[in-house]
Amino acid sequence: MEFVAFTPDGKYIVSGGADDAIWVWDATSGQEFARMTKDAIASAIALSPDGRYLVSGFYNNIQVWETASGKGIARIPYDPLVWSVAFSPDGRYVASGDDYKTARVWDVISGQEVARALHNYPVKSVAFSPDGHNVASASEDRTIRLWPYLPADLIARACQRLPRNLTRLEWRQYIGDVLPYQAVCPNLPIEPEPSPTPAR
């Protein structure tokens, strides 16, 4: 066994490693409670704050399981080796650190990537802040980065650094047409669009 963890209530122990399963054991009796069958060696595991779910990282995917039943909830395809995984305090997101020098945040239900941060070497550890607004990622490049991942927090940080709101042209260039234009920084001015040059 390479990984072991208690559920938050202390009733169960989760273990995993070089075999073909992740096991959940009754901490008092030592009896098997649930088993998550997998097709690869797990490189990292983490439990949600309420203990209901478990996330495991592999070479080519991340999987989320229901702890009590061993039922798979989500499977996220993933190319590089996953070194570390962590749940957000509310259990809605999973962070991962990988061999491609990247820390990422995923939506547990949809499996969609929400945000990422780049390092110069593989990311070996990830953790959410207690308030759930930031991710800390540690890399072999001997750096730890603290970064926001929620859209509202990213916008707030951008508004602290910008002198004005984006113009509609800049919005189309950097944001695209998926989201309608809006002045996301209410305390900053809106620069008018340049007038079109008259044809000669």
N, C-alpha and C. Protein backbone atom coordinates (compact mmCIF):
# COMPACT_ATOMS: atom_id res chain seq x y z
N MET A 1 0.83 -1.19 0.00
CA MET A 1 0.00 0.00 0.00
C MET A 1 0.87 1.26 0.00
N GLU A 2 0.52 2.22 -0.86
CA GLU A 2 1.29 3.44 -0.96
C GLU A 2 0.55 4.65 -0.39
N PHE A 3 -0.79 4.56 -0.25
CA PHE A 3 -1.57 5.67 0.25
C PHE A 3 -2.54 5.18 1.32
N VAL A 4 -2.70 5.98 2.34
CA VAL A 4 -3.65 5.64 3.39
C VAL A 4 -4.18 6.92 4.00
N ALA A 5 -5.49 6.94 4.31
CA ALA A 5 -6.10 8.13 4.89
C ALA A 5 -7.35 7.74 5.66
N PHE A 6 -7.63 8.47 6.73
CA PHE A 6 -8.87 8.31 7.48
C PHE A 6 -9.96 9.17 6.84
N THR A 7 -11.21 8.69 6.88
CA THR A 7 -12.33 9.56 6.57
C THR A 7 -12.45 10.58 7.71
N PRO A 8 -13.03 11.77 7.45
CA PRO A 8 -13.08 12.81 8.48
C PRO A 8 -13.73 12.38 9.78
N ASP A 9 -14.70 11.44 9.72
CA ASP A 9 -15.36 11.01 10.96
C ASP A 9 -14.57 9.91 11.68
N GLY A 10 -13.47 9.46 11.09
CA GLY A 10 -12.62 8.45 11.74
C GLY A 10 -13.15 7.03 11.68
N LYS A 11 -14.26 6.81 10.98
CA LYS A 11 -14.86 5.48 10.96
C LYS A 11 -14.19 4.53 9.97
N TYR A 12 -13.62 5.11 8.92
CA TYR A 12 -13.08 4.26 7.86
C TYR A 12 -11.67 4.68 7.48
N ILE A 13 -10.94 3.73 6.91
CA ILE A 13 -9.59 3.97 6.40
C ILE A 13 -9.60 3.66 4.91
N VAL A 14 -9.02 4.56 4.14
CA VAL A 14 -8.91 4.36 2.69
C VAL A 14 -7.46 4.07 2.36
N SER A 15 -7.23 3.05 1.53
CA SER A 15 -5.86 2.69 1.15
C SER A 15 -5.80 2.39 -0.33
N GLY A 16 -4.62 2.57 -0.91
CA GLY A 16 -4.43 2.30 -2.33
C GLY A 16 -2.97 2.19 -2.63
N GLY A 17 -2.66 1.67 -3.81
CA GLY A 17 -1.26 1.54 -4.17
C GLY A 17 -1.08 0.80 -5.47
N ALA A 18 -0.20 -0.18 -5.47
CA ALA A 18 0.21 -0.84 -6.70
C ALA A 18 -0.73 -1.96 -7.14
N ASP A 19 -1.83 -2.19 -6.41
CA ASP A 19 -2.75 -3.23 -6.83
C ASP A 19 -3.84 -2.63 -7.73
N ASP A 20 -4.88 -3.41 -8.03
CA ASP A 20 -5.89 -2.96 -8.97
C ASP A 20 -7.12 -2.37 -8.29
N ALA A 21 -6.99 -1.91 -7.05
CA ALA A 21 -8.15 -1.38 -6.35
C ALA A 21 -7.75 -0.36 -5.30
N ILE A 22 -8.70 0.48 -4.94
CA ILE A 22 -8.61 1.34 -3.77
C ILE A 22 -9.60 0.78 -2.77
N TRP A 23 -9.17 0.60 -1.53
CA TRP A 23 -9.97 -0.10 -0.53
C TRP A 23 -10.45 0.86 0.55
N VAL A 24 -11.66 0.59 1.04
CA VAL A 24 -12.20 1.30 2.20
C VAL A 24 -12.43 0.25 3.29
N TRP A 25 -11.83 0.49 4.47
CA TRP A 25 -11.89 -0.48 5.56
C TRP A 25 -12.59 0.12 6.77
N ASP A 26 -13.30 -0.73 7.51
CA ASP A 26 -13.86 -0.31 8.79
C ASP A 26 -12.71 -0.17 9.79
N ALA A 27 -12.55 1.03 10.34
CA ALA A 27 -11.40 1.30 11.20
C ALA A 27 -11.44 0.50 12.50
N THR A 28 -12.62 0.09 12.95
CA THR A 28 -12.73 -0.66 14.20
C THR A 28 -12.53 -2.15 14.01
N SER A 29 -13.22 -2.72 13.01
CA SER A 29 -13.17 -4.17 12.81
C SER A 29 -12.09 -4.61 11.83
N GLY A 30 -11.64 -3.69 10.98
CA GLY A 30 -10.67 -4.05 9.96
C GLY A 30 -11.28 -4.75 8.76
N GLN A 31 -12.61 -4.82 8.71
CA GLN A 31 -13.28 -5.48 7.60
C GLN A 31 -13.38 -4.55 6.39
N GLU A 32 -13.34 -5.15 5.19
CA GLU A 32 -13.50 -4.37 3.97
C GLU A 32 -14.91 -3.79 3.91
N PHE A 33 -15.00 -2.50 3.60
CA PHE A 33 -16.29 -1.82 3.54
C PHE A 33 -16.69 -1.54 2.09
N ALA A 34 -15.74 -1.12 1.27
CA ALA A 34 -16.01 -0.85 -0.14
C ALA A 34 -14.71 -0.98 -0.92
N ARG A 35 -14.85 -1.15 -2.23
CA ARG A 35 -13.68 -1.31 -3.09
C ARG A 35 -13.91 -0.56 -4.40
N MET A 36 -12.93 0.24 -4.82
CA MET A 36 -12.97 0.93 -6.10
C MET A 36 -12.00 0.22 -7.03
N THR A 37 -12.52 -0.50 -8.02
CA THR A 37 -11.67 -1.21 -8.97
C THR A 37 -11.17 -0.23 -10.02
N LYS A 38 -9.88 -0.28 -10.28
CA LYS A 38 -9.26 0.65 -11.22
C LYS A 38 -8.41 -0.12 -12.22
N ASP A 39 -8.06 0.56 -13.33
CA ASP A 39 -7.29 -0.11 -14.37
C ASP A 39 -5.86 0.40 -14.45
N ALA A 40 -5.42 1.12 -13.43
CA ALA A 40 -4.05 1.63 -13.41
C ALA A 40 -3.64 1.85 -11.95
N ILE A 41 -2.34 2.03 -11.73
CA ILE A 41 -1.84 2.26 -10.38
C ILE A 41 -2.15 3.70 -9.97
N ALA A 42 -2.76 3.87 -8.81
CA ALA A 42 -3.07 5.21 -8.32
C ALA A 42 -1.80 5.91 -7.87
N SER A 43 -1.64 7.15 -8.28
CA SER A 43 -0.47 7.94 -7.89
C SER A 43 -0.80 8.94 -6.80
N ALA A 44 -2.09 9.18 -6.53
CA ALA A 44 -2.50 10.12 -5.48
C ALA A 44 -3.97 9.89 -5.15
N ILE A 45 -4.33 10.08 -3.87
CA ILE A 45 -5.73 10.02 -3.46
C ILE A 45 -6.01 11.13 -2.46
N ALA A 46 -7.29 11.53 -2.39
CA ALA A 46 -7.71 12.52 -1.41
C ALA A 46 -9.20 12.34 -1.15
N LEU A 47 -9.62 12.65 0.06
CA LEU A 47 -11.03 12.56 0.45
C LEU A 47 -11.66 13.93 0.50
N SER A 48 -12.95 14.01 0.15
CA SER A 48 -13.68 15.27 0.28
C SER A 48 -13.82 15.61 1.75
N PRO A 49 -14.04 16.89 2.10
CA PRO A 49 -14.13 17.28 3.51
C PRO A 49 -15.19 16.53 4.31
N ASP A 50 -16.28 16.14 3.66
CA ASP A 50 -17.33 15.40 4.38
C ASP A 50 -17.13 13.89 4.29
N GLY A 51 -16.09 13.43 3.58
CA GLY A 51 -15.80 12.02 3.48
C GLY A 51 -16.68 11.25 2.51
N ARG A 52 -17.61 11.92 1.83
CA ARG A 52 -18.52 11.21 0.94
C ARG A 52 -17.86 10.77 -0.35
N TYR A 53 -16.84 11.51 -0.77
CA TYR A 53 -16.22 11.22 -2.06
C TYR A 53 -14.71 11.08 -1.92
N LEU A 54 -14.15 10.35 -2.86
CA LEU A 54 -12.71 10.16 -2.92
C LEU A 54 -12.25 10.45 -4.34
N VAL A 55 -11.15 11.16 -4.48
CA VAL A 55 -10.57 11.42 -5.79
C VAL A 55 -9.24 10.71 -5.88
N SER A 56 -8.98 10.10 -7.04
CA SER A 56 -7.72 9.39 -7.24
C SER A 56 -7.10 9.85 -8.55
N GLY A 57 -5.77 9.99 -8.55
CA GLY A 57 -5.05 10.38 -9.74
C GLY A 57 -4.27 9.22 -10.30
N PHE A 58 -4.19 9.13 -11.63
CA PHE A 58 -3.49 8.06 -12.32
C PHE A 58 -2.59 8.66 -13.40
N TYR A 59 -2.07 7.78 -14.24
CA TYR A 59 -1.22 8.25 -15.32
C TYR A 59 -2.03 8.93 -16.42
N ASN A 60 -3.26 8.45 -16.67
CA ASN A 60 -4.01 8.98 -17.80
C ASN A 60 -5.42 9.46 -17.45
N ASN A 61 -5.74 9.58 -16.18
CA ASN A 61 -7.06 10.11 -15.82
C ASN A 61 -7.12 10.44 -14.33
N ILE A 62 -8.16 11.18 -13.98
CA ILE A 62 -8.52 11.43 -12.59
C ILE A 62 -9.91 10.87 -12.40
N GLN A 63 -10.15 10.17 -11.29
CA GLN A 63 -11.47 9.60 -11.04
C GLN A 63 -12.01 10.04 -9.69
N VAL A 64 -13.31 10.28 -9.66
CA VAL A 64 -14.00 10.62 -8.41
C VAL A 64 -14.95 9.47 -8.09
N TRP A 65 -14.90 9.01 -6.83
CA TRP A 65 -15.68 7.84 -6.40
C TRP A 65 -16.56 8.22 -5.21
N GLU A 66 -17.65 7.48 -5.05
CA GLU A 66 -18.47 7.56 -3.84
C GLU A 66 -17.85 6.62 -2.82
N THR A 67 -17.42 7.16 -1.68
CA THR A 67 -16.66 6.38 -0.71
C THR A 67 -17.43 5.18 -0.18
N ALA A 68 -18.70 5.38 0.16
CA ALA A 68 -19.47 4.32 0.81
C ALA A 68 -19.74 3.13 -0.11
N SER A 69 -19.96 3.40 -1.40
CA SER A 69 -20.35 2.33 -2.32
C SER A 69 -19.24 1.91 -3.27
N GLY A 70 -18.23 2.75 -3.44
CA GLY A 70 -17.19 2.48 -4.43
C GLY A 70 -17.63 2.79 -5.85
N LYS A 71 -18.78 3.45 -6.00
CA LYS A 71 -19.32 3.79 -7.32
C LYS A 71 -18.56 4.97 -7.92
N GLY A 72 -18.23 4.86 -9.21
CA GLY A 72 -17.57 5.96 -9.90
C GLY A 72 -18.53 7.10 -10.16
N ILE A 73 -18.12 8.32 -9.84
CA ILE A 73 -18.96 9.50 -10.04
C ILE A 73 -18.53 10.27 -11.28
N ALA A 74 -17.23 10.42 -11.49
CA ALA A 74 -16.72 11.16 -12.64
C ALA A 74 -15.36 10.61 -13.03
N ARG A 75 -15.07 10.69 -14.32
CA ARG A 75 -13.76 10.27 -14.85
C ARG A 75 -13.27 11.38 -15.76
N ILE A 76 -12.13 11.93 -15.44
CA ILE A 76 -11.57 13.05 -16.19
C ILE A 76 -10.35 12.56 -16.96
N PRO A 77 -10.40 12.52 -18.30
CA PRO A 77 -9.22 12.12 -19.07
C PRO A 77 -8.06 13.08 -18.80
N TYR A 78 -6.86 12.52 -18.73
CA TYR A 78 -5.72 13.32 -18.31
C TYR A 78 -4.46 12.69 -18.90
N ASP A 79 -3.68 13.45 -19.63
CA ASP A 79 -2.50 12.89 -20.30
C ASP A 79 -1.32 12.61 -19.37
N PRO A 80 -0.89 13.61 -18.58
CA PRO A 80 0.33 13.38 -17.79
C PRO A 80 0.07 12.61 -16.50
N LEU A 81 1.15 12.18 -15.87
CA LEU A 81 1.07 11.54 -14.56
C LEU A 81 0.63 12.56 -13.53
N VAL A 82 -0.35 12.19 -12.72
CA VAL A 82 -0.87 13.07 -11.66
C VAL A 82 -0.10 12.78 -10.38
N TRP A 83 0.53 13.80 -9.82
CA TRP A 83 1.31 13.63 -8.60
C TRP A 83 0.51 13.91 -7.34
N SER A 84 -0.48 14.78 -7.43
CA SER A 84 -1.20 15.19 -6.22
C SER A 84 -2.61 15.61 -6.58
N VAL A 85 -3.56 15.33 -5.68
CA VAL A 85 -4.95 15.76 -5.85
C VAL A 85 -5.46 16.28 -4.51
N ALA A 86 -6.46 17.18 -4.57
CA ALA A 86 -7.05 17.73 -3.35
C ALA A 86 -8.46 18.21 -3.65
N PHE A 87 -9.34 18.10 -2.67
CA PHE A 87 -10.71 18.62 -2.76
C PHE A 87 -10.76 20.03 -2.20
N SER A 88 -11.63 20.87 -2.81
CA SER A 88 -11.91 22.18 -2.23
C SER A 88 -12.74 22.00 -0.97
N PRO A 89 -12.76 22.99 -0.06
CA PRO A 89 -13.51 22.84 1.19
C PRO A 89 -14.99 22.54 1.00
N ASP A 90 -15.59 23.04 -0.09
CA ASP A 90 -17.01 22.75 -0.32
C ASP A 90 -17.23 21.49 -1.15
N GLY A 91 -16.15 20.82 -1.57
CA GLY A 91 -16.27 19.58 -2.32
C GLY A 91 -16.67 19.74 -3.77
N ARG A 92 -16.76 20.97 -4.27
CA ARG A 92 -17.20 21.21 -5.65
C ARG A 92 -16.07 21.09 -6.66
N TYR A 93 -14.85 21.28 -6.20
CA TYR A 93 -13.72 21.30 -7.13
C TYR A 93 -12.61 20.36 -6.66
N VAL A 94 -11.81 19.93 -7.63
CA VAL A 94 -10.63 19.11 -7.37
C VAL A 94 -9.43 19.80 -7.99
N ALA A 95 -8.35 19.90 -7.25
CA ALA A 95 -7.10 20.42 -7.79
C ALA A 95 -6.16 19.26 -8.05
N SER A 96 -5.31 19.41 -9.06
CA SER A 96 -4.34 18.37 -9.39
C SER A 96 -3.00 19.01 -9.75
N GLY A 97 -1.93 18.29 -9.46
CA GLY A 97 -0.60 18.69 -9.87
C GLY A 97 -0.01 17.58 -10.72
N ASP A 98 0.66 17.91 -11.83
CA ASP A 98 1.06 16.86 -12.75
C ASP A 98 2.50 16.99 -13.23
N ASP A 99 2.88 16.01 -14.03
CA ASP A 99 4.24 15.90 -14.54
C ASP A 99 4.51 16.90 -15.67
N TYR A 100 3.45 17.53 -16.19
CA TYR A 100 3.59 18.52 -17.25
C TYR A 100 3.75 19.94 -16.71
N LYS A 101 4.20 20.06 -15.45
CA LYS A 101 4.50 21.35 -14.82
C LYS A 101 3.26 22.22 -14.60
N THR A 102 2.10 21.57 -14.45
CA THR A 102 0.84 22.30 -14.39
C THR A 102 0.02 21.92 -13.17
N ALA A 103 -0.55 22.93 -12.52
CA ALA A 103 -1.58 22.73 -11.49
C ALA A 103 -2.91 23.12 -12.11
N ARG A 104 -3.92 22.31 -11.91
CA ARG A 104 -5.22 22.56 -12.53
C ARG A 104 -6.33 22.42 -11.50
N VAL A 105 -7.45 23.08 -11.77
CA VAL A 105 -8.65 22.94 -10.95
C VAL A 105 -9.77 22.46 -11.86
N TRP A 106 -10.51 21.47 -11.37
CA TRP A 106 -11.58 20.83 -12.15
C TRP A 106 -12.91 20.93 -11.41
N ASP A 107 -13.99 21.06 -12.16
CA ASP A 107 -15.34 20.95 -11.60
C ASP A 107 -15.65 19.46 -11.43
N VAL A 108 -16.01 19.05 -10.22
CA VAL A 108 -16.20 17.61 -9.93
C VAL A 108 -17.34 17.03 -10.75
N ILE A 109 -18.45 17.74 -10.88
CA ILE A 109 -19.63 17.19 -11.55
C ILE A 109 -19.44 17.11 -13.06
N SER A 110 -19.00 18.22 -13.65
CA SER A 110 -18.89 18.26 -15.12
C SER A 110 -17.58 17.70 -15.65
N GLY A 111 -16.54 17.69 -14.79
CA GLY A 111 -15.23 17.26 -15.25
C GLY A 111 -14.51 18.30 -16.08
N GLN A 112 -15.05 19.53 -16.12
CA GLN A 112 -14.44 20.59 -16.92
C GLN A 112 -13.31 21.27 -16.15
N GLU A 113 -12.25 21.62 -16.87
CA GLU A 113 -11.15 22.37 -16.25
C GLU A 113 -11.61 23.81 -16.01
N VAL A 114 -11.36 24.30 -14.81
CA VAL A 114 -11.79 25.65 -14.42
C VAL A 114 -10.64 26.64 -14.52
N ALA A 115 -9.44 26.25 -14.11
CA ALA A 115 -8.30 27.15 -14.10
C ALA A 115 -7.02 26.34 -14.05
N ARG A 116 -5.90 27.01 -14.36
CA ARG A 116 -4.60 26.34 -14.28
C ARG A 116 -3.51 27.35 -13.97
N ALA A 117 -2.39 26.84 -13.43
CA ALA A 117 -1.20 27.64 -13.17
C ALA A 117 0.01 26.83 -13.61
N LEU A 118 0.98 27.51 -14.21
CA LEU A 118 2.16 26.84 -14.75
C LEU A 118 3.38 27.04 -13.86
N HIS A 119 4.17 25.98 -13.75
CA HIS A 119 5.46 26.02 -13.08
C HIS A 119 6.55 25.67 -14.09
N ASN A 120 7.79 25.68 -13.66
CA ASN A 120 8.90 25.33 -14.53
C ASN A 120 9.30 23.87 -14.46
N TYR A 121 8.79 23.18 -13.44
CA TYR A 121 9.07 21.76 -13.25
C TYR A 121 7.78 21.08 -12.78
N PRO A 122 7.75 19.73 -12.71
CA PRO A 122 6.54 19.04 -12.27
C PRO A 122 5.98 19.57 -10.95
N VAL A 123 4.66 19.60 -10.87
CA VAL A 123 3.96 20.06 -9.67
C VAL A 123 3.67 18.85 -8.79
N LYS A 124 4.28 18.80 -7.62
CA LYS A 124 4.21 17.62 -6.76
C LYS A 124 3.14 17.70 -5.68
N SER A 125 2.62 18.90 -5.40
CA SER A 125 1.63 19.01 -4.32
C SER A 125 0.69 20.18 -4.58
N VAL A 126 -0.59 19.98 -4.26
CA VAL A 126 -1.61 21.04 -4.39
C VAL A 126 -2.48 21.04 -3.14
N ALA A 127 -2.99 22.22 -2.79
CA ALA A 127 -3.88 22.34 -1.63
C ALA A 127 -4.75 23.57 -1.79
N PHE A 128 -5.98 23.50 -1.30
CA PHE A 128 -6.89 24.64 -1.29
C PHE A 128 -6.72 25.40 0.02
N SER A 129 -6.90 26.72 -0.02
CA SER A 129 -6.92 27.50 1.21
C SER A 129 -8.18 27.17 1.99
N PRO A 130 -8.19 27.37 3.32
CA PRO A 130 -9.36 27.02 4.13
C PRO A 130 -10.65 27.71 3.69
N ASP A 131 -10.53 28.94 3.12
CA ASP A 131 -11.73 29.64 2.67
C ASP A 131 -12.14 29.23 1.26
N GLY A 132 -11.33 28.40 0.61
CA GLY A 132 -11.68 27.88 -0.70
C GLY A 132 -11.47 28.83 -1.85
N HIS A 133 -10.83 29.98 -1.63
CA HIS A 133 -10.68 30.98 -2.69
C HIS A 133 -9.35 30.87 -3.44
N ASN A 134 -8.40 30.14 -2.89
CA ASN A 134 -7.08 30.07 -3.52
C ASN A 134 -6.56 28.64 -3.52
N VAL A 135 -5.64 28.39 -4.46
CA VAL A 135 -4.93 27.11 -4.53
C VAL A 135 -3.45 27.38 -4.34
N ALA A 136 -2.80 26.54 -3.55
CA ALA A 136 -1.35 26.59 -3.42
C ALA A 136 -0.78 25.39 -4.18
N SER A 137 0.21 25.64 -5.02
CA SER A 137 0.84 24.56 -5.77
C SER A 137 2.34 24.61 -5.55
N ALA A 138 2.93 23.44 -5.26
CA ALA A 138 4.36 23.35 -4.98
C ALA A 138 5.01 22.49 -6.06
N SER A 139 6.17 22.95 -6.54
CA SER A 139 6.81 22.32 -7.67
C SER A 139 8.26 21.94 -7.37
N GLU A 140 8.82 21.09 -8.22
CA GLU A 140 10.23 20.75 -8.13
C GLU A 140 11.13 21.94 -8.50
N ASP A 141 10.53 23.02 -9.00
CA ASP A 141 11.32 24.22 -9.27
C ASP A 141 11.57 25.03 -8.00
N ARG A 142 11.20 24.45 -6.85
CA ARG A 142 11.43 25.05 -5.54
C ARG A 142 10.60 26.31 -5.32
N THR A 143 9.43 26.35 -5.93
CA THR A 143 8.52 27.47 -5.72
C THR A 143 7.17 26.95 -5.24
N ILE A 144 6.49 27.81 -4.48
CA ILE A 144 5.10 27.59 -4.11
C ILE A 144 4.32 28.79 -4.63
N ARG A 145 3.27 28.53 -5.36
CA ARG A 145 2.46 29.61 -5.92
C ARG A 145 1.07 29.59 -5.29
N LEU A 146 0.59 30.76 -4.94
CA LEU A 146 -0.76 30.91 -4.39
C LEU A 146 -1.57 31.69 -5.41
N TRP A 147 -2.66 31.11 -5.89
CA TRP A 147 -3.40 31.75 -6.99
C TRP A 147 -4.91 31.50 -6.88
N PRO A 148 -5.70 32.50 -7.27
CA PRO A 148 -7.16 32.34 -7.28
C PRO A 148 -7.59 31.55 -8.50
N TYR A 149 -8.69 30.85 -8.40
CA TYR A 149 -9.17 30.04 -9.51
C TYR A 149 -10.63 30.31 -9.86
N LEU A 150 -11.39 30.91 -8.94
CA LEU A 150 -12.80 31.21 -9.20
C LEU A 150 -12.91 32.45 -10.09
N PRO A 151 -13.82 32.45 -11.08
CA PRO A 151 -13.94 33.60 -11.98
C PRO A 151 -14.10 34.93 -11.26
N ALA A 152 -14.93 34.97 -10.22
CA ALA A 152 -15.15 36.24 -9.51
C ALA A 152 -13.86 36.74 -8.87
N ASP A 153 -13.06 35.83 -8.32
CA ASP A 153 -11.79 36.23 -7.71
C ASP A 153 -10.78 36.66 -8.75
N LEU A 154 -10.77 35.99 -9.90
CA LEU A 154 -9.87 36.37 -10.98
C LEU A 154 -10.21 37.75 -11.51
N ILE A 155 -11.51 38.02 -11.65
CA ILE A 155 -11.95 39.34 -12.11
C ILE A 155 -11.56 40.41 -11.11
N ALA A 156 -11.78 40.12 -9.82
CA ALA A 156 -11.44 41.10 -8.79
C ALA A 156 -9.95 41.43 -8.79
N ARG A 157 -9.11 40.41 -8.98
CA ARG A 157 -7.66 40.66 -9.03
C ARG A 157 -7.30 41.46 -10.27
N ALA A 158 -7.91 41.13 -11.40
CA ALA A 158 -7.63 41.88 -12.62
C ALA A 158 -8.04 43.35 -12.48
N CYS A 159 -9.18 43.57 -11.82
CA CYS A 159 -9.66 44.95 -11.65
C CYS A 159 -8.74 45.78 -10.75
N GLN A 160 -8.01 45.11 -9.87
CA GLN A 160 -7.06 45.82 -9.02
C GLN A 160 -5.86 46.31 -9.82
N ARG A 161 -5.59 45.68 -10.96
CA ARG A 161 -4.39 46.00 -11.73
C ARG A 161 -4.69 46.82 -12.99
N LEU A 162 -5.93 46.80 -13.44
CA LEU A 162 -6.28 47.50 -14.67
C LEU A 162 -6.59 48.98 -14.41
N PRO A 163 -6.25 49.86 -15.34
CA PRO A 163 -6.61 51.28 -15.20
C PRO A 163 -8.03 51.58 -15.66
N ARG A 164 -8.63 50.65 -16.40
CA ARG A 164 -9.97 50.86 -16.96
C ARG A 164 -10.58 49.51 -17.33
N ASN A 165 -11.85 49.52 -17.70
CA ASN A 165 -12.51 48.33 -18.21
C ASN A 165 -12.03 48.02 -19.64
N LEU A 166 -12.20 46.78 -20.05
CA LEU A 166 -11.92 46.43 -21.42
C LEU A 166 -12.90 47.12 -22.36
N THR A 167 -12.43 47.48 -23.53
CA THR A 167 -13.34 47.96 -24.56
C THR A 167 -14.04 46.75 -25.19
N ARG A 168 -15.05 47.01 -25.99
CA ARG A 168 -15.75 45.91 -26.65
C ARG A 168 -14.82 45.15 -27.59
N LEU A 169 -13.92 45.89 -28.26
CA LEU A 169 -12.97 45.25 -29.16
C LEU A 169 -12.02 44.34 -28.38
N GLU A 170 -11.52 44.82 -27.22
CA GLU A 170 -10.64 44.01 -26.38
C GLU A 170 -11.38 42.80 -25.81
N TRP A 171 -12.65 43.00 -25.46
CA TRP A 171 -13.46 41.90 -24.94
C TRP A 171 -13.57 40.78 -25.99
N ARG A 172 -13.84 41.15 -27.23
CA ARG A 172 -13.94 40.14 -28.29
C ARG A 172 -12.60 39.46 -28.51
N GLN A 173 -11.50 40.21 -28.36
CA GLN A 173 -10.17 39.67 -28.59
C GLN A 173 -9.75 38.70 -27.49
N TYR A 174 -9.99 39.06 -26.23
CA TYR A 174 -9.48 38.27 -25.09
C TYR A 174 -10.52 37.33 -24.48
N ILE A 175 -11.79 37.72 -24.54
CA ILE A 175 -12.84 36.91 -23.92
C ILE A 175 -13.60 36.10 -24.96
N GLY A 176 -13.86 36.72 -26.11
CA GLY A 176 -14.61 36.05 -27.17
C GLY A 176 -16.06 36.49 -27.17
N ASP A 177 -16.85 35.81 -27.99
CA ASP A 177 -18.27 36.16 -28.13
C ASP A 177 -19.20 35.25 -27.33
N VAL A 178 -18.62 34.31 -26.58
CA VAL A 178 -19.46 33.39 -25.80
C VAL A 178 -20.19 34.14 -24.69
N LEU A 179 -19.48 35.04 -24.01
CA LEU A 179 -20.09 35.85 -22.95
C LEU A 179 -20.38 37.24 -23.49
N PRO A 180 -21.55 37.80 -23.19
CA PRO A 180 -21.85 39.16 -23.65
C PRO A 180 -20.95 40.19 -22.97
N TYR A 181 -20.67 41.27 -23.66
CA TYR A 181 -19.80 42.31 -23.12
C TYR A 181 -20.40 42.90 -21.85
N GLN A 182 -19.54 43.17 -20.87
CA GLN A 182 -19.96 43.84 -19.65
C GLN A 182 -18.78 44.55 -19.02
N ALA A 183 -19.05 45.62 -18.32
CA ALA A 183 -18.02 46.34 -17.58
C ALA A 183 -17.86 45.62 -16.24
N VAL A 184 -16.90 44.71 -16.15
CA VAL A 184 -16.77 43.85 -14.98
C VAL A 184 -16.13 44.57 -13.80
N CYS A 185 -15.51 45.72 -14.04
CA CYS A 185 -14.90 46.51 -12.96
C CYS A 185 -15.73 47.77 -12.76
N PRO A 186 -16.72 47.74 -11.86
CA PRO A 186 -17.67 48.86 -11.75
C PRO A 186 -17.03 50.17 -11.33
N ASN A 187 -15.88 50.13 -10.67
CA ASN A 187 -15.26 51.37 -10.20
C ASN A 187 -14.26 51.95 -11.19
N LEU A 188 -14.11 51.32 -12.34
CA LEU A 188 -13.15 51.80 -13.33
C LEU A 188 -13.88 52.39 -14.54
N PRO A 189 -13.25 53.34 -15.22
CA PRO A 189 -13.90 53.97 -16.38
C PRO A 189 -13.99 53.02 -17.57
N ILE A 190 -14.89 53.36 -18.47
CA ILE A 190 -15.05 52.63 -19.72
C ILE A 190 -14.54 53.51 -20.84
N GLU A 191 -13.55 53.02 -21.55
CA GLU A 191 -12.99 53.80 -22.64
C GLU A 191 -13.86 53.66 -23.88
N PRO A 192 -14.24 54.77 -24.49
CA PRO A 192 -15.09 54.65 -25.68
C PRO A 192 -14.36 53.99 -26.84
N GLU A 193 -15.14 53.31 -27.69
CA GLU A 193 -14.55 52.69 -28.85
C GLU A 193 -14.06 53.77 -29.83
N PRO A 194 -12.92 53.54 -30.48
CA PRO A 194 -12.47 54.52 -31.47
C PRO A 194 -13.43 54.61 -32.64
N SER A 195 -13.63 55.80 -33.14
CA SER A 195 -14.51 55.99 -34.27
C SER A 195 -13.91 55.38 -35.52
N PRO A 196 -14.71 54.73 -36.34
CA PRO A 196 -14.17 54.14 -37.56
C PRO A 196 -13.59 55.19 -38.48
N THR A 197 -12.50 54.85 -39.13
CA THR A 197 -11.87 55.78 -40.06
C THR A 197 -12.73 55.88 -41.33
N PRO A 198 -13.12 57.09 -41.69
CA PRO A 198 -13.96 57.22 -42.89
C PRO A 198 -13.24 56.77 -44.14
N ALA A 199 -13.98 56.09 -45.00
CA ALA A 199 -13.40 55.62 -46.26
C ALA A 199 -13.10 56.78 -47.17
N ARG A 200 -12.00 56.70 -47.87
CA ARG A 200 -11.62 57.75 -48.81
C ARG A 200 -12.04 57.40 -50.24
